[in-house]
Amino acid sequence: MKDKLPEILDFFEAAGYETSCHATKKAGDASIAAAYAADRGFDLIIAAGGDGTLYEVVNGLAEKDYRPPVGIIPAGTTNDFARAIGLPVKNILKACEMIVKGTPIPIDIGKINDRYFINIAGGGALTDLTYEVPSKLKTIMGQLAYYVKGIEKLPFIRPSRVRIETESRIIDEEIMLFLIANSNSVGGMEKLAPFANLSDGKFDCLILRKTTLPEFLRIATHVIKGDHIKDPDVLYFQTSRLRATASTKVLLNLDGELGGELPMEFTALHKHIQVIMPENR
């Protein structure tokens, strides 16, 4: 990415933008830079990195009165959100071109207590795979890396007793994980939430009940086609608001980053941020 930076800046200068570049060095830097750009009325913010960088940019913008459109240059490992909107994840300059030619579209984001996410929130023992799969392995194997790690961990995982309340249902049972998705692309798997819509004002929620290894393998084989949502050990529903509590410590994953622990309330903020979408998406 660094070796492409002069070319990237030249590209946007040629497209008519006066550019300013901010290098992130530690957690929270991208949030500070995004907030600074919003306060000074920038026309466009570009998040160059992976889902974690985009997560920070969203958190820097979410509470601002003026929120510039966000363009994305995928330069992370899984780049889930970039995949969801059809950006090329191995061609940085092509992504730049798609930003310039694309259209700002208002999309939903999720709010959890005082934090925000753009793609996915998850909890339960299996969500730890996001942290445990090495970046190099994810780059080489993609979604298969998560399956391999899941199979390795499953015999040692203890399910969590979680209570999830929405306007229309209450779920209170032992589960392996719950996912609250805004897009269809999660953990390198592009059909984990097959009906997700970025602008419908609703989360797509997926809960994996307590399972054995054979049951997990059966479900995993169905994920590629999106047929897992028909499995009796999977609960799949949509909602704009929910509350999750647990009897034991359950950590939360927000766009691949550690996001605290339950209890938490989740709210979908309808069309809250503009993202530059590719033409003919």
Protein backbone atom coordinates (compact mmCIF):
# COMPACT_ATOMS: atom_id res chain seq x y z
CA MET A 1 0.00 0.00 0.00
CA LYS A 2 2.75 2.49 0.95
CA ASP A 3 4.54 2.07 -2.37
CA LYS A 4 1.30 2.98 -4.18
CA LEU A 5 0.63 6.11 -2.15
CA PRO A 6 2.21 8.69 -4.52
CA GLU A 7 0.29 7.15 -7.43
CA ILE A 8 -2.95 7.20 -5.45
CA LEU A 9 -2.56 10.86 -4.49
CA ASP A 10 -1.69 11.79 -8.07
CA PHE A 11 -4.80 9.98 -9.28
CA PHE A 12 -7.14 11.96 -7.02
CA GLU A 13 -5.35 15.23 -7.73
CA ALA A 14 -5.89 14.60 -11.44
CA ALA A 15 -9.57 13.95 -10.73
CA GLY A 16 -9.88 17.43 -9.25
CA TYR A 17 -9.39 16.81 -5.52
CA GLU A 18 -6.99 18.66 -3.26
CA THR A 19 -5.65 15.76 -1.21
CA SER A 20 -4.48 15.39 2.36
CA CYS A 21 -3.02 12.12 3.67
CA HIS A 22 -3.04 10.86 7.26
CA ALA A 23 -1.01 7.81 8.26
CA THR A 24 -2.47 5.79 11.14
CA LYS A 25 0.02 4.56 13.72
CA LYS A 26 -2.15 3.29 16.56
CA ALA A 27 -5.72 2.36 17.43
CA GLY A 28 -8.08 5.32 17.21
CA ASP A 29 -5.99 7.35 14.76
CA ALA A 30 -8.41 6.85 11.88
CA SER A 31 -11.35 8.01 14.05
CA ILE A 32 -9.48 11.20 14.96
CA ALA A 33 -8.56 11.87 11.33
CA ALA A 34 -12.14 11.29 10.12
CA ALA A 35 -13.57 13.59 12.79
CA TYR A 36 -11.02 16.27 11.83
CA ALA A 37 -12.00 16.00 8.14
CA ALA A 38 -15.71 16.28 8.97
CA ASP A 39 -15.19 19.31 11.21
CA ARG A 40 -13.32 21.09 8.41
CA GLY A 41 -15.89 20.33 5.75
CA PHE A 42 -13.90 17.93 3.56
CA ASP A 43 -15.78 16.75 0.45
CA LEU A 44 -14.64 13.12 0.67
CA ILE A 45 -12.95 10.78 3.13
CA ILE A 46 -11.15 7.70 1.85
CA ALA A 47 -10.51 4.78 4.19
CA ALA A 48 -7.47 2.91 2.85
CA GLY A 49 -7.12 -0.31 4.81
CA GLY A 50 -9.24 -3.18 6.02
CA ASP A 51 -12.49 -3.48 7.96
CA GLY A 52 -10.82 -2.20 11.14
CA THR A 53 -9.81 1.06 9.46
CA LEU A 54 -13.31 1.53 8.08
CA TYR A 55 -14.75 0.81 11.54
CA GLU A 56 -12.65 3.62 13.01
CA VAL A 57 -13.64 6.05 10.26
CA VAL A 58 -17.33 5.31 10.87
CA ASN A 59 -16.90 5.90 14.60
CA GLY A 60 -15.18 9.21 13.89
CA LEU A 61 -18.06 10.36 11.68
CA ALA A 62 -21.18 8.85 13.23
CA GLU A 63 -21.98 11.63 15.70
CA LYS A 64 -21.06 14.56 13.44
CA ASP A 65 -23.74 16.84 11.99
CA TYR A 66 -21.84 16.91 8.69
CA ARG A 67 -20.62 13.52 7.49
CA PRO A 68 -18.67 13.53 4.19
CA PRO A 69 -19.12 10.58 1.83
CA VAL A 70 -16.70 7.73 2.45
CA GLY A 71 -14.71 5.99 -0.28
CA ILE A 72 -12.91 2.71 0.36
CA ILE A 73 -9.57 1.42 -0.89
CA PRO A 74 -9.46 -2.23 0.25
CA ALA A 75 -6.01 -2.92 1.67
CA GLY A 76 -6.72 -5.27 4.58
CA THR A 77 -6.89 -9.05 4.86
CA THR A 78 -10.57 -10.03 4.45
CA ASN A 79 -12.08 -6.65 3.41
CA ASP A 80 -15.59 -7.88 4.09
CA PHE A 81 -17.42 -4.61 3.54
CA ALA A 82 -15.50 -3.81 0.36
CA ARG A 83 -16.46 -7.22 -1.01
CA ALA A 84 -20.09 -6.60 -0.08
CA ILE A 85 -20.28 -3.47 -2.26
CA GLY A 86 -18.34 -4.94 -5.17
CA LEU A 87 -14.93 -3.29 -4.82
CA PRO A 88 -11.84 -5.08 -6.16
CA VAL A 89 -9.70 -6.24 -3.23
CA LYS A 90 -6.48 -6.85 -5.17
CA ASN A 91 -6.39 -3.80 -7.44
CA ILE A 92 -5.86 -0.57 -5.50
CA LEU A 93 -5.82 1.76 -8.50
CA LYS A 94 -8.98 0.18 -9.89
CA ALA A 95 -10.63 0.85 -6.53
CA CYS A 96 -9.53 4.51 -6.81
CA GLU A 97 -11.12 4.72 -10.24
CA MET A 98 -14.35 3.25 -8.90
CA ILE A 99 -14.42 5.86 -6.12
CA VAL A 100 -14.11 8.72 -8.63
CA LYS A 101 -16.77 7.27 -10.94
CA GLY A 102 -19.02 5.95 -8.18
CA THR A 103 -22.06 7.42 -6.46
CA PRO A 104 -22.53 8.34 -2.77
CA ILE A 105 -25.33 6.16 -1.40
CA PRO A 106 -26.79 6.56 2.11
CA ILE A 107 -26.49 3.30 4.04
CA ASP A 108 -27.35 2.04 7.50
CA ILE A 109 -24.90 1.61 10.34
CA GLY A 110 -25.35 -0.06 13.70
CA LYS A 111 -25.14 1.65 17.08
CA ILE A 112 -24.17 -0.35 20.18
CA ASN A 113 -24.23 1.70 23.38
CA ASP A 114 -21.70 4.43 22.45
CA ARG A 115 -20.02 2.65 19.52
CA TYR A 116 -20.88 2.12 15.87
CA PHE A 117 -20.29 -0.56 13.23
CA ILE A 118 -20.81 -0.71 9.49
CA ASN A 119 -20.70 -4.41 8.71
CA ILE A 120 -20.96 -6.91 11.57
CA ALA A 121 -21.34 -7.30 15.31
CA GLY A 122 -20.96 -10.71 16.85
CA GLY A 123 -20.66 -12.50 20.16
CA GLY A 124 -20.05 -16.00 21.46
CA ALA A 125 -17.06 -18.33 21.53
CA LEU A 126 -16.84 -18.88 17.77
CA THR A 127 -16.49 -15.16 17.05
CA ASP A 128 -13.02 -15.39 18.62
CA LEU A 129 -11.94 -16.90 15.30
CA THR A 130 -11.62 -13.36 13.95
CA TYR A 131 -8.72 -12.79 16.32
CA GLU A 132 -7.20 -16.27 16.21
CA VAL A 133 -6.89 -16.83 12.45
CA PRO A 134 -3.51 -15.35 11.48
CA SER A 135 -3.62 -12.57 8.88
CA LYS A 136 -1.29 -14.46 6.54
CA LEU A 137 -3.51 -17.55 6.67
CA LYS A 138 -6.62 -15.46 5.96
CA THR A 139 -4.88 -13.89 2.96
CA ILE A 140 -3.90 -17.29 1.53
CA MET A 141 -6.97 -19.39 2.40
CA GLY A 142 -9.79 -16.86 2.69
CA GLN A 143 -12.97 -18.26 4.25
CA LEU A 144 -11.46 -21.76 4.47
CA ALA A 145 -9.16 -20.46 7.21
CA TYR A 146 -12.18 -19.80 9.42
CA TYR A 147 -13.59 -23.28 8.80
CA VAL A 148 -10.27 -24.89 9.67
CA LYS A 149 -9.95 -22.90 12.89
CA GLY A 150 -13.58 -23.56 13.79
CA ILE A 151 -13.17 -27.32 13.42
CA GLU A 152 -9.99 -27.16 15.51
CA LYS A 153 -11.65 -25.21 18.33
CA LEU A 154 -15.13 -26.72 18.46
CA PRO A 155 -14.40 -29.71 20.76
CA PHE A 156 -13.14 -27.27 23.41
CA ILE A 157 -15.78 -24.56 23.09
CA ARG A 158 -18.40 -24.11 25.78
CA PRO A 159 -21.66 -22.52 24.60
CA SER A 160 -22.90 -19.31 26.21
CA ARG A 161 -26.33 -18.75 27.67
CA VAL A 162 -27.58 -15.62 25.91
CA ARG A 163 -30.91 -13.79 26.00
CA ILE A 164 -31.80 -11.77 22.92
CA GLU A 165 -34.89 -9.57 22.95
CA THR A 166 -36.44 -7.85 19.93
CA GLU A 167 -39.79 -6.18 19.36
CA SER A 168 -41.27 -9.46 18.16
CA ARG A 169 -39.34 -12.28 19.85
CA ILE A 170 -37.28 -13.43 22.82
CA ILE A 171 -34.54 -16.04 22.45
CA ASP A 172 -33.05 -17.43 25.64
CA GLU A 173 -30.83 -20.50 25.20
CA GLU A 174 -27.30 -21.83 24.92
CA ILE A 175 -25.63 -20.74 21.69
CA MET A 176 -22.27 -20.98 19.94
CA LEU A 177 -22.46 -17.50 18.44
CA PHE A 178 -24.74 -14.70 17.35
CA LEU A 179 -24.10 -12.35 14.44
CA ILE A 180 -25.79 -9.04 13.69
CA ALA A 181 -25.05 -8.25 10.06
CA ASN A 182 -25.52 -5.14 7.97
CA SER A 183 -24.13 -6.66 4.75
CA ASN A 184 -24.03 -10.13 3.26
CA SER A 185 -20.23 -10.48 3.52
CA VAL A 186 -18.94 -11.64 6.90
CA GLY A 187 -15.63 -13.28 7.78
CA GLY A 188 -14.72 -13.81 4.13
CA MET A 189 -18.04 -15.63 3.54
CA GLU A 190 -20.27 -13.78 1.12
CA LYS A 191 -23.58 -15.55 1.83
CA LEU A 192 -23.55 -15.78 5.61
CA ALA A 193 -26.39 -13.22 5.73
CA PRO A 194 -27.84 -13.81 2.25
CA PHE A 195 -30.75 -11.36 2.47
CA ALA A 196 -28.90 -8.45 4.08
CA ASN A 197 -29.60 -5.02 2.60
CA LEU A 198 -27.42 -2.02 3.44
CA SER A 199 -30.26 0.50 3.30
CA ASP A 200 -33.35 -1.25 4.67
CA GLY A 201 -33.03 -0.01 8.25
CA LYS A 202 -32.75 -3.56 9.59
CA PHE A 203 -30.09 -5.92 10.89
CA ASP A 204 -29.93 -9.49 9.63
CA CYS A 205 -29.40 -11.65 12.72
CA LEU A 206 -28.01 -15.16 12.75
CA ILE A 207 -27.77 -17.39 15.83
CA LEU A 208 -25.98 -20.73 15.90
CA ARG A 209 -27.45 -22.95 18.59
CA LYS A 210 -25.39 -25.32 20.72
CA THR A 211 -23.95 -27.86 18.25
CA THR A 212 -21.75 -30.91 18.04
CA LEU A 213 -18.83 -31.21 15.62
CA PRO A 214 -20.84 -33.21 13.02
CA GLU A 215 -23.66 -30.66 13.22
CA PHE A 216 -21.20 -27.79 12.81
CA LEU A 217 -19.65 -29.44 9.75
CA ARG A 218 -23.09 -29.93 8.20
CA ILE A 219 -23.93 -26.26 8.68
CA ALA A 220 -20.52 -25.09 7.43
CA THR A 221 -20.96 -26.94 4.14
CA HIS A 222 -24.25 -25.12 3.57
CA VAL A 223 -22.83 -21.62 4.18
CA ILE A 224 -21.24 -21.37 0.72
CA LYS A 225 -24.67 -21.42 -0.95
CA GLY A 226 -26.51 -19.58 1.82
CA ASP A 227 -28.61 -22.65 2.64
CA HIS A 228 -27.52 -22.69 6.30
CA ILE A 229 -30.41 -20.41 7.25
CA LYS A 230 -32.79 -23.32 6.65
CA ASP A 231 -30.99 -25.51 9.19
CA PRO A 232 -32.87 -26.21 12.47
CA ASP A 233 -29.76 -25.29 14.48
CA VAL A 234 -29.64 -21.82 12.92
CA LEU A 235 -32.01 -18.95 13.74
CA TYR A 236 -32.17 -16.18 11.11
CA PHE A 237 -34.34 -13.07 11.41
CA GLN A 238 -34.40 -9.31 10.77
CA THR A 239 -34.90 -6.50 13.26
CA SER A 240 -34.08 -2.82 13.66
CA ARG A 241 -33.40 -3.06 17.38
CA LEU A 242 -32.41 -5.70 19.93
CA ARG A 243 -30.97 -6.16 23.39
CA ALA A 244 -28.54 -8.96 24.27
CA THR A 245 -27.58 -10.11 27.76
CA ALA A 246 -25.65 -13.14 29.02
CA SER A 247 -25.22 -15.06 32.26
CA THR A 248 -21.46 -15.30 31.69
CA LYS A 249 -18.84 -13.05 30.12
CA VAL A 250 -19.47 -12.73 26.37
CA LEU A 251 -17.16 -10.48 24.37
CA LEU A 252 -18.38 -8.57 21.35
CA ASN A 253 -16.69 -8.26 17.97
CA LEU A 254 -17.41 -5.09 15.96
CA ASP A 255 -16.19 -5.16 12.37
CA GLY A 256 -13.33 -7.43 13.45
CA GLU A 257 -12.36 -5.29 16.45
CA LEU A 258 -12.89 -5.96 20.15
CA GLY A 259 -16.05 -4.09 21.14
CA GLY A 260 -16.58 -4.72 24.85
CA GLU A 261 -18.92 -7.27 26.42
CA LEU A 262 -22.61 -7.92 26.98
CA PRO A 263 -25.10 -6.59 27.99
CA MET A 264 -25.60 -4.28 25.01
CA GLU A 265 -28.38 -2.67 23.02
CA PHE A 266 -28.20 -2.59 19.22
CA THR A 267 -29.97 -0.03 17.04
CA ALA A 268 -29.94 0.26 13.25
CA LEU A 269 -29.43 3.89 12.17
CA HIS A 270 -31.22 4.15 8.84
CA LYS A 271 -29.17 5.67 5.96
CA HIS A 272 -26.84 7.40 8.41
CA ILE A 273 -23.60 7.48 6.39
CA GLN A 274 -22.89 7.90 2.66
CA VAL A 275 -20.54 5.39 1.05
CA ILE A 276 -19.25 5.68 -2.51
CA MET A 277 -20.69 2.72 -4.40
CA PRO A 278 -19.26 1.39 -7.69
CA GLU A 279 -21.15 2.07 -10.92
CA ASN A 280 -23.65 -0.62 -11.95
CA ARG A 281 -23.57 -2.23 -8.51
